[in-house]
């Protein structure tokens, strides 16, 4: 993880992992969307009322294909990689980089 704040948290965290999940989507017909999910421990903010924001850099075969907007942990489903934002095929190597910042 990388931190974009003056005083980074001192909490110990484990290395982020990538998991594959399916989500049910509504459209003309119901379908399942194939998603890659970045799994990492969310941090406790040391400042009341200033939560951390999380931004994920998604890499496929070594190239950045998608960078999420910074979101709060409550909106973590917006951090998925899927065919709506950069996933074009399967049989790939997926890597992630997590950036943490505090709302100012």
C-alpha atoms as a PDB file:
ATOM      1  CA  UNK A   1       0.000   0.000   0.000  1.00  0.00           C
ATOM      2  CA  UNK A   2       1.012   3.570  -0.610  1.00  0.00           C
ATOM      3  CA  UNK A   3      -0.098   6.548   1.466  1.00  0.00           C
ATOM      4  CA  UNK A   4      -0.889  10.071   0.219  1.00  0.00           C
ATOM      5  CA  UNK A   5      -1.017  11.724   3.659  1.00  0.00           C
ATOM      6  CA  UNK A   6       1.496  13.523   5.870  1.00  0.00           C
ATOM      7  CA  UNK A   7       1.247  11.070   8.775  1.00  0.00           C
ATOM      8  CA  UNK A   8       0.655   7.580   7.389  1.00  0.00           C
ATOM      9  CA  UNK A   9      -1.120   5.084   9.616  1.00  0.00           C
ATOM     10  CA  UNK A  10       1.012   2.891  11.830  1.00  0.00           C
ATOM     11  CA  UNK A  11      -1.351  -0.062  11.617  1.00  0.00           C
ATOM     12  CA  UNK A  12       0.212  -3.214  10.252  1.00  0.00           C
ATOM     13  CA  UNK A  13      -1.563  -4.528   7.179  1.00  0.00           C
ATOM     14  CA  UNK A  14      -1.273  -7.640   5.094  1.00  0.00           C
ATOM     15  CA  UNK A  15      -0.456  -7.677   1.400  1.00  0.00           C
ATOM     16  CA  UNK A  16      -3.529  -7.039  -0.781  1.00  0.00           C
ATOM     17  CA  UNK A  17      -4.862  -9.999  -2.750  1.00  0.00           C
ATOM     18  CA  UNK A  18      -7.032 -10.379  -5.834  1.00  0.00           C
ATOM     19  CA  UNK A  19     -10.168 -12.528  -5.718  1.00  0.00           C
ATOM     20  CA  UNK A  20     -12.611 -13.376  -8.481  1.00  0.00           C
ATOM     21  CA  UNK A  21     -16.334 -13.020  -7.787  1.00  0.00           C
ATOM     22  CA  UNK A  22     -19.561 -12.896  -9.780  1.00  0.00           C
ATOM     23  CA  UNK A  23     -22.225 -10.248  -9.170  1.00  0.00           C
ATOM     24  CA  UNK A  24     -25.828 -10.349 -10.380  1.00  0.00           C
ATOM     25  CA  UNK A  25     -26.632  -7.495 -12.738  1.00  0.00           C
ATOM     26  CA  UNK A  26     -29.960  -6.161 -13.959  1.00  0.00           C
ATOM     27  CA  UNK A  27     -30.430  -5.256 -17.592  1.00  0.00           C
ATOM     28  CA  UNK A  28     -32.658  -6.320 -20.467  1.00  0.00           C
ATOM     29  CA  UNK A  29     -32.097  -9.775 -18.964  1.00  0.00           C
ATOM     30  CA  UNK A  30     -30.472 -10.693 -15.648  1.00  0.00           C
ATOM     31  CA  UNK A  31     -26.858 -11.758 -15.990  1.00  0.00           C
ATOM     32  CA  UNK A  32     -23.735 -12.368 -13.948  1.00  0.00           C
ATOM     33  CA  UNK A  33     -20.799 -10.001 -14.235  1.00  0.00           C
ATOM     34  CA  UNK A  34     -17.288 -11.384 -13.763  1.00  0.00           C
ATOM     35  CA  UNK A  35     -15.353  -9.167 -11.319  1.00  0.00           C
ATOM     36  CA  UNK A  36     -11.899  -9.028  -9.836  1.00  0.00           C
ATOM     37  CA  UNK A  37     -11.959  -7.721  -6.292  1.00  0.00           C
ATOM     38  CA  UNK A  38      -9.013  -6.245  -4.391  1.00  0.00           C
ATOM     39  CA  UNK A  39      -9.016  -7.709  -0.875  1.00  0.00           C
ATOM     40  CA  UNK A  40      -7.131  -5.793   1.810  1.00  0.00           C
ATOM     41  CA  UNK A  41      -7.753  -4.702   5.398  1.00  0.00           C
ATOM     42  CA  UNK A  42      -9.442  -1.328   5.734  1.00  0.00           C
ATOM     43  CA  UNK A  43      -7.640   1.003   8.123  1.00  0.00           C
ATOM     44  CA  UNK A  44      -9.053   2.861  11.104  1.00  0.00           C
ATOM     45  CA  UNK A  45      -8.686   6.612  10.703  1.00  0.00           C
ATOM     46  CA  UNK A  46      -6.845   8.304  13.566  1.00  0.00           C
ATOM     47  CA  UNK A  47      -8.914  11.472  13.042  1.00  0.00           C
ATOM     48  CA  UNK A  48     -12.652  11.433  13.841  1.00  0.00           C
ATOM     49  CA  UNK A  49     -14.711  12.502  10.817  1.00  0.00           C
ATOM     50  CA  UNK A  50     -11.846  12.126   8.325  1.00  0.00           C
ATOM     51  CA  UNK A  51     -12.103   8.641   6.852  1.00  0.00           C
ATOM     52  CA  UNK A  52      -9.518   7.140   4.586  1.00  0.00           C
ATOM     53  CA  UNK A  53     -10.100   6.925   0.853  1.00  0.00           C
ATOM     54  CA  UNK A  54      -8.909   3.945  -1.169  1.00  0.00           C
ATOM     55  CA  UNK A  55      -7.824   3.983  -4.803  1.00  0.00           C
ATOM     56  CA  UNK A  56      -6.830   0.867  -6.747  1.00  0.00           C
ATOM     57  CA  UNK A  57      -4.461   0.670  -9.700  1.00  0.00           C
ATOM     58  CA  UNK A  58      -5.357  -2.423 -11.729  1.00  0.00           C
ATOM     59  CA  UNK A  59      -2.664  -4.032 -13.879  1.00  0.00           C
ATOM     60  CA  UNK A  60      -3.196  -6.699 -16.533  1.00  0.00           C
ATOM     61  CA  UNK A  61      -0.062  -8.468 -17.731  1.00  0.00           C
ATOM     62  CA  UNK A  62       2.052  -5.615 -16.313  1.00  0.00           C
ATOM     63  CA  UNK A  63       0.134  -2.684 -17.839  1.00  0.00           C
ATOM     64  CA  UNK A  64      -2.167  -0.300 -15.944  1.00  0.00           C
ATOM     65  CA  UNK A  65      -5.639  -0.754 -17.421  1.00  0.00           C
ATOM     66  CA  UNK A  66      -7.819   0.965 -14.825  1.00  0.00           C
ATOM     67  CA  UNK A  67      -7.386   3.385 -11.933  1.00  0.00           C
ATOM     68  CA  UNK A  68     -10.410   3.754  -9.676  1.00  0.00           C
ATOM     69  CA  UNK A  69     -11.625   7.004  -8.199  1.00  0.00           C
ATOM     70  CA  UNK A  70     -10.762   7.316  -4.482  1.00  0.00           C
ATOM     71  CA  UNK A  71     -13.684   5.939  -2.435  1.00  0.00           C
ATOM     72  CA  UNK A  72     -14.592   5.310   1.205  1.00  0.00           C
ATOM     73  CA  UNK A  73     -14.675   1.719   2.445  1.00  0.00           C
ATOM     74  CA  UNK A  74     -18.503   1.805   2.300  1.00  0.00           C
ATOM     75  CA  UNK A  75     -18.227   2.126  -1.488  1.00  0.00           C
ATOM     76  CA  UNK A  76     -15.663  -0.645  -1.968  1.00  0.00           C
ATOM     77  CA  UNK A  77     -17.704  -2.362  -4.706  1.00  0.00           C
ATOM     78  CA  UNK A  78     -16.697   0.564  -6.953  1.00  0.00           C
ATOM     79  CA  UNK A  79     -13.119  -0.746  -6.739  1.00  0.00           C
ATOM     80  CA  UNK A  80     -13.818  -3.870  -8.811  1.00  0.00           C
ATOM     81  CA  UNK A  81     -12.221  -4.575 -12.175  1.00  0.00           C
ATOM     82  CA  UNK A  82     -14.685  -5.951 -14.716  1.00  0.00           C
ATOM     83  CA  UNK A  83     -15.702  -5.694 -18.373  1.00  0.00           C
ATOM     84  CA  UNK A  84     -17.269  -2.282 -17.725  1.00  0.00           C
ATOM     85  CA  UNK A  85     -13.907  -0.667 -16.935  1.00  0.00           C
ATOM     86  CA  UNK A  86     -10.979  -2.545 -18.460  1.00  0.00           C
ATOM     87  CA  UNK A  87     -11.359  -6.333 -18.336  1.00  0.00           C
ATOM     88  CA  UNK A  88     -11.459  -7.537 -21.931  1.00  0.00           C
ATOM     89  CA  UNK A  89     -10.517 -11.214 -21.704  1.00  0.00           C
ATOM     90  CA  UNK A  90      -9.686 -14.020 -19.300  1.00  0.00           C
ATOM     91  CA  UNK A  91      -6.443 -15.988 -18.998  1.00  0.00           C
ATOM     92  CA  UNK A  92      -4.522 -12.935 -17.807  1.00  0.00           C
ATOM     93  CA  UNK A  93      -2.251 -12.001 -14.916  1.00  0.00           C
ATOM     94  CA  UNK A  94      -3.948  -9.428 -12.674  1.00  0.00           C
ATOM     95  CA  UNK A  95      -2.017  -7.301 -10.150  1.00  0.00           C
ATOM     96  CA  UNK A  96      -3.047  -4.430  -7.903  1.00  0.00           C
ATOM     97  CA  UNK A  97      -1.584  -1.429  -6.140  1.00  0.00           C
ATOM     98  CA  UNK A  98      -3.543   0.252  -3.333  1.00  0.00           C
ATOM     99  CA  UNK A  99      -3.259   3.972  -2.519  1.00  0.00           C
ATOM    100  CA  UNK A 100      -4.678   5.272   0.769  1.00  0.00           C
ATOM    101  CA  UNK A 101      -5.418   8.929   1.425  1.00  0.00           C
ATOM    102  CA  UNK A 102      -7.329  10.890   4.065  1.00  0.00           C
ATOM    103  CA  UNK A 103     -10.154  13.293   3.325  1.00  0.00           C
ATOM    104  CA  UNK A 104      -8.912  16.793   4.089  1.00  0.00           C
END
